[in-house]
Full PDB file with SEQRES, HELIX, SHEET, SSBOND, CRYST1, ORIGX, SCALE, CONECT and MASTER records, all heavy atoms in Angstrom:
SEQRES   1 A   38  ASN SER LYS PHE THR ASP GLU GLU ILE ASP GLU ILE ASP          
SEQRES   2 A   38  ILE GLU ALA PRO ASP LEU ILE PRO ASN CYS VAL ALA THR          
SEQRES   3 A   38  ILE LEU HIS GLN SER ARG PRO GLU LEU ALA GLY THR              
HELIX    1 AA1 ASP A    6  SER A   31  1                                  26    
HELIX    2 AA2 PRO A   33  GLY A   37  1                                   5    
CRYST1    1.000    1.000    1.000  90.00  90.00  90.00 P 1           1          
ORIGX1      1.000000  0.000000  0.000000        0.00000                         
ORIGX2      0.000000  1.000000  0.000000        0.00000                         
ORIGX3      0.000000  0.000000  1.000000        0.00000                         
SCALE1      1.000000  0.000000  0.000000        0.00000                         
SCALE2      0.000000  1.000000  0.000000        0.00000                         
SCALE3      0.000000  0.000000  1.000000        0.00000                         
ATOM      1  N   ASN A   1       7.106   4.403  -0.117  1.00  0.00           N  
ATOM      2  CA  ASN A   1       6.130   3.323  -0.323  1.00  0.00           C  
ATOM      3  C   ASN A   1       4.934   3.748  -1.158  1.00  0.00           C  
ATOM      4  O   ASN A   1       3.884   3.106  -1.129  1.00  0.00           O  
ATOM      5  CB  ASN A   1       5.630   2.818   1.044  1.00  0.00           C  
ATOM      6  CG  ASN A   1       6.731   2.169   1.849  1.00  0.00           C  
ATOM      7  OD1 ASN A   1       7.502   1.365   1.319  1.00  0.00           O  
ATOM      8  ND2 ASN A   1       6.829   2.515   3.120  1.00  0.00           N  
ATOM      9  N   SER A   2       5.087   4.838  -1.908  1.00  0.00           N  
ATOM     10  CA  SER A   2       3.954   5.369  -2.663  1.00  0.00           C  
ATOM     11  C   SER A   2       3.723   4.585  -3.958  1.00  0.00           C  
ATOM     12  O   SER A   2       4.656   4.106  -4.594  1.00  0.00           O  
ATOM     13  CB  SER A   2       4.194   6.843  -2.999  1.00  0.00           C  
ATOM     14  OG  SER A   2       3.117   7.349  -3.765  1.00  0.00           O  
ATOM     15  N   LYS A   3       2.444   4.506  -4.328  1.00  0.00           N  
ATOM     16  CA  LYS A   3       2.082   3.856  -5.586  1.00  0.00           C  
ATOM     17  C   LYS A   3       1.878   4.881  -6.702  1.00  0.00           C  
ATOM     18  O   LYS A   3       1.532   4.520  -7.829  1.00  0.00           O  
ATOM     19  CB  LYS A   3       0.809   3.024  -5.400  1.00  0.00           C  
ATOM     20  CG  LYS A   3       1.008   1.826  -4.466  1.00  0.00           C  
ATOM     21  CD  LYS A   3      -0.266   1.023  -4.305  1.00  0.00           C  
ATOM     22  CE  LYS A   3      -0.026  -0.264  -3.526  1.00  0.00           C  
ATOM     23  NZ  LYS A   3       0.420  -0.030  -2.145  1.00  0.00           N  
ATOM     24  N   PHE A   4       2.091   6.151  -6.388  1.00  0.00           N  
ATOM     25  CA  PHE A   4       1.989   7.191  -7.415  1.00  0.00           C  
ATOM     26  C   PHE A   4       3.168   7.095  -8.376  1.00  0.00           C  
ATOM     27  O   PHE A   4       4.237   6.592  -8.024  1.00  0.00           O  
ATOM     28  CB  PHE A   4       1.973   8.585  -6.782  1.00  0.00           C  
ATOM     29  CG  PHE A   4       0.702   8.927  -6.052  1.00  0.00           C  
ATOM     30  CD1 PHE A   4       0.722   9.183  -4.685  1.00  0.00           C  
ATOM     31  CD2 PHE A   4      -0.505   9.009  -6.723  1.00  0.00           C  
ATOM     32  CE1 PHE A   4      -0.438   9.504  -4.001  1.00  0.00           C  
ATOM     33  CE2 PHE A   4      -1.675   9.328  -6.047  1.00  0.00           C  
ATOM     34  CZ  PHE A   4      -1.645   9.577  -4.679  1.00  0.00           C  
ATOM     35  N   THR A   5       2.973   7.599  -9.593  1.00  0.00           N  
ATOM     36  CA  THR A   5       4.075   7.662 -10.551  1.00  0.00           C  
ATOM     37  C   THR A   5       5.031   8.781 -10.155  1.00  0.00           C  
ATOM     38  O   THR A   5       4.675   9.663  -9.360  1.00  0.00           O  
ATOM     39  CB  THR A   5       3.549   7.949 -11.973  1.00  0.00           C  
ATOM     40  OG1 THR A   5       2.972   9.275 -11.973  1.00  0.00           O  
ATOM     41  CG2 THR A   5       2.510   6.934 -12.401  1.00  0.00           C  
ATOM     42  N   ASP A   6       6.227   8.779 -10.721  1.00  0.00           N  
ATOM     43  CA  ASP A   6       7.208   9.834 -10.431  1.00  0.00           C  
ATOM     44  C   ASP A   6       6.657  11.202 -10.805  1.00  0.00           C  
ATOM     45  O   ASP A   6       6.898  12.192 -10.111  1.00  0.00           O  
ATOM     46  CB  ASP A   6       8.511   9.567 -11.193  1.00  0.00           C  
ATOM     47  CG  ASP A   6       9.268   8.377 -10.621  1.00  0.00           C  
ATOM     48  OD1 ASP A   6       8.928   7.943  -9.510  1.00  0.00           O  
ATOM     49  OD2 ASP A   6      10.190   7.878 -11.301  1.00  0.00           O  
ATOM     50  N   GLU A   7       5.926  11.268 -11.921  1.00  0.00           N  
ATOM     51  CA  GLU A   7       5.358  12.552 -12.372  1.00  0.00           C  
ATOM     52  C   GLU A   7       4.319  13.053 -11.363  1.00  0.00           C  
ATOM     53  O   GLU A   7       4.280  14.248 -11.039  1.00  0.00           O  
ATOM     54  CB  GLU A   7       4.706  12.400 -13.766  1.00  0.00           C  
ATOM     55  CG  GLU A   7       5.670  12.190 -14.905  1.00  0.00           C  
ATOM     56  CD  GLU A   7       6.199  10.751 -14.978  1.00  0.00           C  
ATOM     57  OE1 GLU A   7       5.628   9.856 -14.279  1.00  0.00           O  
ATOM     58  OE2 GLU A   7       7.181  10.533 -15.710  1.00  0.00           O  
ATOM     59  N   GLU A   8       3.478  12.128 -10.877  1.00  0.00           N  
ATOM     60  CA  GLU A   8       2.459  12.519  -9.891  1.00  0.00           C  
ATOM     61  C   GLU A   8       3.116  12.970  -8.587  1.00  0.00           C  
ATOM     62  O   GLU A   8       2.678  13.960  -7.971  1.00  0.00           O  
ATOM     63  CB  GLU A   8       1.523  11.337  -9.626  1.00  0.00           C  
ATOM     64  CG  GLU A   8       0.575  11.045 -10.767  1.00  0.00           C  
ATOM     65  CD  GLU A   8      -0.170   9.731 -10.592  1.00  0.00           C  
ATOM     66  OE1 GLU A   8       0.378   8.799  -9.953  1.00  0.00           O  
ATOM     67  OE2 GLU A   8      -1.299   9.618 -11.107  1.00  0.00           O  
ATOM     68  N   ILE A   9       4.166  12.275  -8.180  1.00  0.00           N  
ATOM     69  CA  ILE A   9       4.876  12.648  -6.951  1.00  0.00           C  
ATOM     70  C   ILE A   9       5.503  14.029  -7.086  1.00  0.00           C  
ATOM     71  O   ILE A   9       5.456  14.841  -6.153  1.00  0.00           O  
ATOM     72  CB  ILE A   9       5.936  11.584  -6.589  1.00  0.00           C  
ATOM     73  CG1 ILE A   9       5.242  10.297  -6.119  1.00  0.00           C  
ATOM     74  CG2 ILE A   9       6.883  12.095  -5.510  1.00  0.00           C  
ATOM     75  CD1 ILE A   9       6.169   9.126  -5.897  1.00  0.00           C  
ATOM     76  N   ASP A  10       6.070  14.321  -8.248  1.00  0.00           N  
ATOM     77  CA  ASP A  10       6.667  15.646  -8.484  1.00  0.00           C  
ATOM     78  C   ASP A  10       5.616  16.739  -8.336  1.00  0.00           C  
ATOM     79  O   ASP A  10       5.878  17.803  -7.755  1.00  0.00           O  
ATOM     80  CB  ASP A  10       7.290  15.715  -9.883  1.00  0.00           C  
ATOM     81  CG  ASP A  10       8.580  14.914  -9.985  1.00  0.00           C  
ATOM     82  OD1 ASP A  10       9.146  14.570  -8.923  1.00  0.00           O  
ATOM     83  OD2 ASP A  10       9.015  14.631 -11.118  1.00  0.00           O  
ATOM     84  N   GLU A  11       4.419  16.481  -8.848  1.00  0.00           N  
ATOM     85  CA  GLU A  11       3.340  17.476  -8.779  1.00  0.00           C  
ATOM     86  C   GLU A  11       2.860  17.649  -7.337  1.00  0.00           C  
ATOM     87  O   GLU A  11       2.668  18.772  -6.854  1.00  0.00           O  
ATOM     88  CB  GLU A  11       2.177  17.018  -9.668  1.00  0.00           C  
ATOM     89  CG  GLU A  11       1.137  18.110  -9.891  1.00  0.00           C  
ATOM     90  CD  GLU A  11       0.094  17.697 -10.920  1.00  0.00           C  
ATOM     91  OE1 GLU A  11       0.439  16.977 -11.877  1.00  0.00           O  
ATOM     92  OE2 GLU A  11      -1.069  18.094 -10.739  1.00  0.00           O  
ATOM     93  N   ILE A  12       2.687  16.527  -6.635  1.00  0.00           N  
ATOM     94  CA  ILE A  12       2.257  16.570  -5.236  1.00  0.00           C  
ATOM     95  C   ILE A  12       3.306  17.291  -4.392  1.00  0.00           C  
ATOM     96  O   ILE A  12       2.972  18.073  -3.493  1.00  0.00           O  
ATOM     97  CB  ILE A  12       2.010  15.146  -4.701  1.00  0.00           C  
ATOM     98  CG1 ILE A  12       0.780  14.545  -5.372  1.00  0.00           C  
ATOM     99  CG2 ILE A  12       1.828  15.152  -3.184  1.00  0.00           C  
ATOM    100  CD1 ILE A  12       0.601  13.058  -5.132  1.00  0.00           C  
ATOM    101  N   ASP A  13       4.581  17.039  -4.680  1.00  0.00           N  
ATOM    102  CA  ASP A  13       5.684  17.645  -3.938  1.00  0.00           C  
ATOM    103  C   ASP A  13       5.602  19.166  -3.967  1.00  0.00           C  
ATOM    104  O   ASP A  13       5.866  19.840  -2.972  1.00  0.00           O  
ATOM    105  CB  ASP A  13       7.009  17.165  -4.543  1.00  0.00           C  
ATOM    106  CG  ASP A  13       8.201  17.546  -3.686  1.00  0.00           C  
ATOM    107  OD1 ASP A  13       8.091  17.472  -2.449  1.00  0.00           O  
ATOM    108  OD2 ASP A  13       9.239  17.933  -4.241  1.00  0.00           O  
ATOM    109  N   ILE A  14       5.212  19.704  -5.105  1.00  0.00           N  
ATOM    110  CA  ILE A  14       5.102  21.159  -5.261  1.00  0.00           C  
ATOM    111  C   ILE A  14       3.887  21.699  -4.502  1.00  0.00           C  
ATOM    112  O   ILE A  14       3.940  22.745  -3.863  1.00  0.00           O  
ATOM    113  CB  ILE A  14       5.001  21.528  -6.766  1.00  0.00           C  
ATOM    114  CG1 ILE A  14       6.322  21.190  -7.476  1.00  0.00           C  
ATOM    115  CG2 ILE A  14       4.663  23.002  -6.942  1.00  0.00           C  
ATOM    116  CD1 ILE A  14       6.226  21.225  -8.985  1.00  0.00           C  
ATOM    117  N   GLU A  15       2.789  20.960  -4.564  1.00  0.00           N  
ATOM    118  CA  GLU A  15       1.523  21.459  -4.002  1.00  0.00           C  
ATOM    119  C   GLU A  15       1.365  21.198  -2.505  1.00  0.00           C  
ATOM    120  O   GLU A  15       0.632  21.921  -1.818  1.00  0.00           O  
ATOM    121  CB  GLU A  15       0.346  20.806  -4.744  1.00  0.00           C  
ATOM    122  CG  GLU A  15       0.264  21.193  -6.217  1.00  0.00           C  
ATOM    123  CD  GLU A  15      -0.858  20.454  -6.937  1.00  0.00           C  
ATOM    124  OE1 GLU A  15      -1.465  19.546  -6.322  1.00  0.00           O  
ATOM    125  OE2 GLU A  15      -1.121  20.791  -8.099  1.00  0.00           O  
ATOM    126  N   ALA A  16       2.048  20.179  -1.989  1.00  0.00           N  
ATOM    127  CA  ALA A  16       1.825  19.744  -0.602  1.00  0.00           C  
ATOM    128  C   ALA A  16       1.943  20.854   0.444  1.00  0.00           C  
ATOM    129  O   ALA A  16       1.084  20.955   1.330  1.00  0.00           O  
ATOM    130  CB  ALA A  16       2.767  18.586  -0.262  1.00  0.00           C  
ATOM    131  N   PRO A  17       2.990  21.712   0.393  1.00  0.00           N  
ATOM    132  CA  PRO A  17       3.110  22.732   1.449  1.00  0.00           C  
ATOM    133  C   PRO A  17       1.891  23.639   1.577  1.00  0.00           C  
ATOM    134  O   PRO A  17       1.525  24.040   2.681  1.00  0.00           O  
ATOM    135  CB  PRO A  17       4.351  23.534   1.023  1.00  0.00           C  
ATOM    136  CG  PRO A  17       5.151  22.580   0.207  1.00  0.00           C  
ATOM    137  CD  PRO A  17       4.144  21.751  -0.534  1.00  0.00           C  
ATOM    138  N   ASP A  18       1.238  23.931   0.440  1.00  0.00           N  
ATOM    139  CA  ASP A  18       0.074  24.811   0.480  1.00  0.00           C  
ATOM    140  C   ASP A  18      -1.210  24.054   0.795  1.00  0.00           C  
ATOM    141  O   ASP A  18      -2.185  24.646   1.261  1.00  0.00           O  
ATOM    142  CB  ASP A  18      -0.079  25.544  -0.853  1.00  0.00           C  
ATOM    143  CG  ASP A  18       1.068  26.515  -1.103  1.00  0.00           C  
ATOM    144  OD1 ASP A  18       1.509  27.159  -0.139  1.00  0.00           O  
ATOM    145  OD2 ASP A  18       1.534  26.616  -2.253  1.00  0.00           O  
ATOM    146  N   LEU A  19      -1.233  22.745   0.549  1.00  0.00           N  
ATOM    147  CA  LEU A  19      -2.428  21.945   0.805  1.00  0.00           C  
ATOM    148  C   LEU A  19      -2.545  21.534   2.277  1.00  0.00           C  
ATOM    149  O   LEU A  19      -3.652  21.389   2.802  1.00  0.00           O  
ATOM    150  CB  LEU A  19      -2.416  20.681  -0.063  1.00  0.00           C  
ATOM    151  CG  LEU A  19      -2.583  20.884  -1.575  1.00  0.00           C  
ATOM    152  CD1 LEU A  19      -2.402  19.554  -2.305  1.00  0.00           C  
ATOM    153  CD2 LEU A  19      -3.948  21.479  -1.897  1.00  0.00           C  
ATOM    154  N   ILE A  20      -1.414  21.351   2.942  1.00  0.00           N  
ATOM    155  CA  ILE A  20      -1.421  20.815   4.309  1.00  0.00           C  
ATOM    156  C   ILE A  20      -2.242  21.660   5.293  1.00  0.00           C  
ATOM    157  O   ILE A  20      -3.033  21.102   6.066  1.00  0.00           O  
ATOM    158  CB  ILE A  20       0.024  20.582   4.798  1.00  0.00           C  
ATOM    159  CG1 ILE A  20       0.601  19.334   4.094  1.00  0.00           C  
ATOM    160  CG2 ILE A  20       0.095  20.419   6.313  1.00  0.00           C  
ATOM    161  CD1 ILE A  20       2.092  19.111   4.291  1.00  0.00           C  
ATOM    162  N   PRO A  21      -2.118  22.998   5.314  1.00  0.00           N  
ATOM    163  CA  PRO A  21      -2.954  23.764   6.264  1.00  0.00           C  
ATOM    164  C   PRO A  21      -4.450  23.553   6.034  1.00  0.00           C  
ATOM    165  O   PRO A  21      -5.227  23.462   6.993  1.00  0.00           O  
ATOM    166  CB  PRO A  21      -2.554  25.220   6.008  1.00  0.00           C  
ATOM    167  CG  PRO A  21      -1.190  25.134   5.413  1.00  0.00           C  
ATOM    168  CD  PRO A  21      -1.189  23.884   4.589  1.00  0.00           C  
ATOM    169  N   ASN A  22      -4.868  23.458   4.755  1.00  0.00           N  
ATOM    170  CA  ASN A  22      -6.269  23.182   4.456  1.00  0.00           C  
ATOM    171  C   ASN A  22      -6.675  21.797   4.948  1.00  0.00           C  
ATOM    172  O   ASN A  22      -7.783  21.601   5.442  1.00  0.00           O  
ATOM    173  CB  ASN A  22      -6.512  23.273   2.943  1.00  0.00           C  
ATOM    174  CG  ASN A  22      -6.782  24.690   2.480  1.00  0.00           C  
ATOM    175  OD1 ASN A  22      -7.615  25.378   3.048  1.00  0.00           O  
ATOM    176  ND2 ASN A  22      -6.072  25.124   1.466  1.00  0.00           N  
ATOM    177  N   CYS A  23      -5.764  20.840   4.805  1.00  0.00           N  
ATOM    178  CA  CYS A  23      -6.033  19.477   5.283  1.00  0.00           C  
ATOM    179  C   CYS A  23      -6.302  19.480   6.788  1.00  0.00           C  
ATOM    180  O   CYS A  23      -7.257  18.857   7.262  1.00  0.00           O  
ATOM    181  CB  CYS A  23      -4.837  18.567   4.987  1.00  0.00           C  
ATOM    182  SG  CYS A  23      -4.595  18.174   3.240  1.00  0.00           S  
ATOM    183  N   VAL A  24      -5.450  20.187   7.524  1.00  0.00           N  
ATOM    184  CA  VAL A  24      -5.606  20.232   8.986  1.00  0.00           C  
ATOM    185  C   VAL A  24      -6.935  20.891   9.360  1.00  0.00           C  
ATOM    186  O   VAL A  24      -7.660  20.399  10.236  1.00  0.00           O  
ATOM    187  CB  VAL A  24      -4.420  20.971   9.642  1.00  0.00           C  
ATOM    188  CG1 VAL A  24      -4.654  21.153  11.139  1.00  0.00           C  
ATOM    189  CG2 VAL A  24      -3.115  20.209   9.399  1.00  0.00           C  
ATOM    190  N   ALA A  25      -7.272  21.996   8.688  1.00  0.00           N  
ATOM    191  CA  ALA A  25      -8.531  22.689   8.987  1.00  0.00           C  
ATOM    192  C   ALA A  25      -9.728  21.778   8.731  1.00  0.00           C  
ATOM    193  O   ALA A  25     -10.682  21.737   9.515  1.00  0.00           O  
ATOM    194  CB  ALA A  25      -8.635  23.963   8.144  1.00  0.00           C  
ATOM    195  N   THR A  26      -9.679  21.033   7.640  1.00  0.00           N  
ATOM    196  CA  THR A  26     -10.773  20.109   7.302  1.00  0.00           C  
ATOM    197  C   THR A  26     -10.916  19.027   8.363  1.00  0.00           C  
ATOM    198  O   THR A  26     -12.031  18.712   8.816  1.00  0.00           O  
ATOM    199  CB  THR A  26     -10.503  19.452   5.925  1.00  0.00           C  
ATOM    200  OG1 THR A  26     -10.431  20.477   4.931  1.00  0.00           O  
ATOM    201  CG2 THR A  26     -11.602  18.469   5.554  1.00  0.00           C  
ATOM    202  N   ILE A  27      -9.788  18.452   8.786  1.00  0.00           N  
ATOM    203  CA  ILE A  27      -9.811  17.395   9.807  1.00  0.00           C  
ATOM    204  C   ILE A  27     -10.344  17.928  11.131  1.00  0.00           C  
ATOM    205  O   ILE A  27     -11.150  17.282  11.809  1.00  0.00           O  
ATOM    206  CB  ILE A  27      -8.404  16.791   9.985  1.00  0.00           C  
ATOM    207  CG1 ILE A  27      -8.019  15.974   8.742  1.00  0.00           C  
ATOM    208  CG2 ILE A  27      -8.337  15.907  11.237  1.00  0.00           C  
ATOM    209  CD1 ILE A  27      -6.561  15.564   8.701  1.00  0.00           C  
ATOM    210  N   LEU A  28      -9.913  19.131  11.519  1.00  0.00           N  
ATOM    211  CA  LEU A  28     -10.320  19.699  12.806  1.00  0.00           C  
ATOM    212  C   LEU A  28     -11.835  19.875  12.911  1.00  0.00           C  
ATOM    213  O   LEU A  28     -12.407  19.748  14.001  1.00  0.00           O  
ATOM    214  CB  LEU A  28      -9.619  21.035  13.048  1.00  0.00           C  
ATOM    215  CG  LEU A  28      -8.128  20.962  13.398  1.00  0.00           C  
ATOM    216  CD1 LEU A  28      -7.523  22.359  13.418  1.00  0.00           C  
ATOM    217  CD2 LEU A  28      -7.902  20.264  14.731  1.00  0.00           C  
ATOM    218  N   HIS A  29     -12.490  20.158  11.789  1.00  0.00           N  
ATOM    219  CA  HIS A  29     -13.949  20.302  11.811  1.00  0.00           C  
ATOM    220  C   HIS A  29     -14.626  19.037  12.302  1.00  0.00           C  
ATOM    221  O   HIS A  29     -15.663  19.087  12.975  1.00  0.00           O  
ATOM    222  CB  HIS A  29     -14.467  20.653  10.417  1.00  0.00           C  
ATOM    223  CG  HIS A  29     -14.429  22.117  10.133  1.00  0.00           C  
ATOM    224  ND1 HIS A  29     -15.307  22.998  10.711  1.00  0.00           N  
ATOM    225  CD2 HIS A  29     -13.605  22.856   9.356  1.00  0.00           C  
ATOM    226  CE1 HIS A  29     -15.021  24.223  10.291  1.00  0.00           C  
ATOM    227  NE2 HIS A  29     -13.993  24.156   9.488  1.00  0.00           N  
ATOM    228  N   GLN A  30     -14.053  17.884  11.956  1.00  0.00           N  
ATOM    229  CA  GLN A  30     -14.638  16.610  12.339  1.00  0.00           C  
ATOM    230  C   GLN A  30     -14.062  16.079  13.653  1.00  0.00           C  
ATOM    231  O   GLN A  30     -14.783  15.538  14.483  1.00  0.00           O  
ATOM    232  CB  GLN A  30     -14.390  15.576  11.230  1.00  0.00           C  
ATOM    233  CG  GLN A  30     -15.040  15.914   9.913  1.00  0.00           C  
ATOM    234  CD  GLN A  30     -16.468  15.404   9.809  1.00  0.00           C  
ATOM    235  OE1 GLN A  30     -16.742  14.254  10.127  1.00  0.00           O  
ATOM    236  NE2 GLN A  30     -17.378  16.246   9.370  1.00  0.00           N  
ATOM    237  N   SER A  31     -12.752  16.236  13.819  1.00  0.00           N  
ATOM    238  CA  SER A  31     -12.104  15.633  14.986  1.00  0.00           C  
ATOM    239  C   SER A  31     -12.245  16.475  16.250  1.00  0.00           C  
ATOM    240  O   SER A  31     -12.243  15.940  17.353  1.00  0.00           O  
ATOM    241  CB  SER A  31     -10.616  15.385  14.689  1.00  0.00           C  
ATOM    242  OG  SER A  31      -9.893  16.594  14.588  1.00  0.00           O  
ATOM    243  N   ARG A  32     -12.337  17.792  16.079  1.00  0.00           N  
ATOM    244  CA  ARG A  32     -12.452  18.700  17.232  1.00  0.00           C  
ATOM    245  C   ARG A  32     -13.610  19.679  17.004  1.00  0.00           C  
ATOM    246  O   ARG A  32     -13.406  20.890  16.863  1.00  0.00           O  
ATOM    247  CB  ARG A  32     -11.136  19.480  17.418  1.00  0.00           C  
ATOM    248  CG  ARG A  32      -9.885  18.633  17.656  1.00  0.00           C  
ATOM    249  CD  ARG A  32      -9.871  18.006  19.045  1.00  0.00           C  
ATOM    250  NE  ARG A  32     -10.049  18.988  20.093  1.00  0.00           N  
ATOM    251  CZ  ARG A  32      -9.062  19.774  20.581  1.00  0.00           C  
ATOM    252  NH1 ARG A  32      -7.834  19.655  20.110  1.00  0.00           N  
ATOM    253  NH2 ARG A  32      -9.306  20.631  21.536  1.00  0.00           N  
ATOM    254  N   PRO A  33     -14.842  19.175  16.940  1.00  0.00           N  
ATOM    255  CA  PRO A  33     -15.987  20.047  16.625  1.00  0.00           C  
ATOM    256  C   PRO A  33     -16.172  21.186  17.614  1.00  0.00           C  
ATOM    257  O   PRO A  33     -16.719  22.236  17.269  1.00  0.00           O  
ATOM    258  CB  PRO A  33     -17.180  19.090  16.649  1.00  0.00           C  
ATOM    259  CG  PRO A  33     -16.721  17.896  17.434  1.00  0.00           C  
ATOM    260  CD  PRO A  33     -15.252  17.788  17.175  1.00  0.00           C  
ATOM    261  N   GLU A  34     -15.689  20.980  18.859  1.00  0.00           N  
ATOM    262  CA  GLU A  34     -15.814  22.064  19.848  1.00  0.00           C  
ATOM    263  C   GLU A  34     -14.991  23.283  19.440  1.00  0.00           C  
ATOM    264  O   GLU A  34     -15.349  24.425  19.731  1.00  0.00           O  
ATOM    265  CB  GLU A  34     -15.418  21.578  21.250  1.00  0.00           C  
ATOM    266  CG  GLU A  34     -13.910  21.401  21.490  1.00  0.00           C  
ATOM    267  CD  GLU A  34     -13.326  20.108  20.938  1.00  0.00           C  
ATOM    268  OE1 GLU A  34     -14.043  19.382  20.216  1.00  0.00           O  
ATOM    269  OE2 GLU A  34     -12.161  19.820  21.224  1.00  0.00           O  
ATOM    270  N   LEU A  35     -13.883  23.055  18.728  1.00  0.00           N  
ATOM    271  CA  LEU A  35     -13.076  24.177  18.238  1.00  0.00           C  
ATOM    272  C   LEU A  35     -13.809  24.902  17.122  1.00  0.00           C  
ATOM    273  O   LEU A  35     -13.802  26.131  17.052  1.00  0.00           O  
ATOM    274  CB  LEU A  35     -11.720  23.674  17.706  1.00  0.00           C  
ATOM    275  CG  LEU A  35     -10.703  23.176  18.729  1.00  0.00           C  
ATOM    276  CD1 LEU A  35      -9.410  22.789  18.020  1.00  0.00           C  
ATOM    277  CD2 LEU A  35     -10.419  24.227  19.788  1.00  0.00           C  
ATOM    278  N   ALA A  36     -14.420  24.141  16.233  1.00  0.00           N  
ATOM    279  CA  ALA A  36     -15.163  24.752  15.124  1.00  0.00           C  
ATOM    280  C   ALA A  36     -16.272  25.638  15.664  1.00  0.00           C  
ATOM    281  O   ALA A  36     -16.525  26.729  15.137  1.00  0.00           O  
ATOM    282  CB  ALA A  36     -15.750  23.665  14.222  1.00  0.00           C  
ATOM    283  N   GLY A  37     -16.917  25.197  16.749  1.00  0.00           N  
ATOM    284  CA  GLY A  37     -17.970  26.005  17.369  1.00  0.00           C  
ATOM    285  C   GLY A  37     -17.433  27.291  17.943  1.00  0.00           C  
ATOM    286  O   GLY A  37     -18.048  28.352  17.830  1.00  0.00           O  
ATOM    287  N   THR A  38     -16.243  27.233  18.547  1.00  0.00           N  
ATOM    288  CA  THR A  38     -15.611  28.421  19.129  1.00  0.00           C  
ATOM    289  C   THR A  38     -15.271  29.434  18.049  1.00  0.00           C  
ATOM    290  O   THR A  38     -15.513  30.633  18.184  1.00  0.00           O  
ATOM    291  CB  THR A  38     -14.315  28.039  19.883  1.00  0.00           C  
ATOM    292  OG1 THR A  38     -14.630  27.077  20.867  1.00  0.00           O  
ATOM    293  CG2 THR A  38     -13.690  29.255  20.547  1.00  0.00           C  
TER     294      THR A  38                                                      
MASTER        0    0    0    2    0    0    0    6  293    1    0    3          
END                                                                             
């Protein structure tokens, strides 16, 4: 259901595995601030 072009999807497909851990860390700072403090 993506609105990205095929070329953009190909690029995201390559980068996604390395971006996901950073995404989770960024979210945790806001969603679980008690963990960030620890």
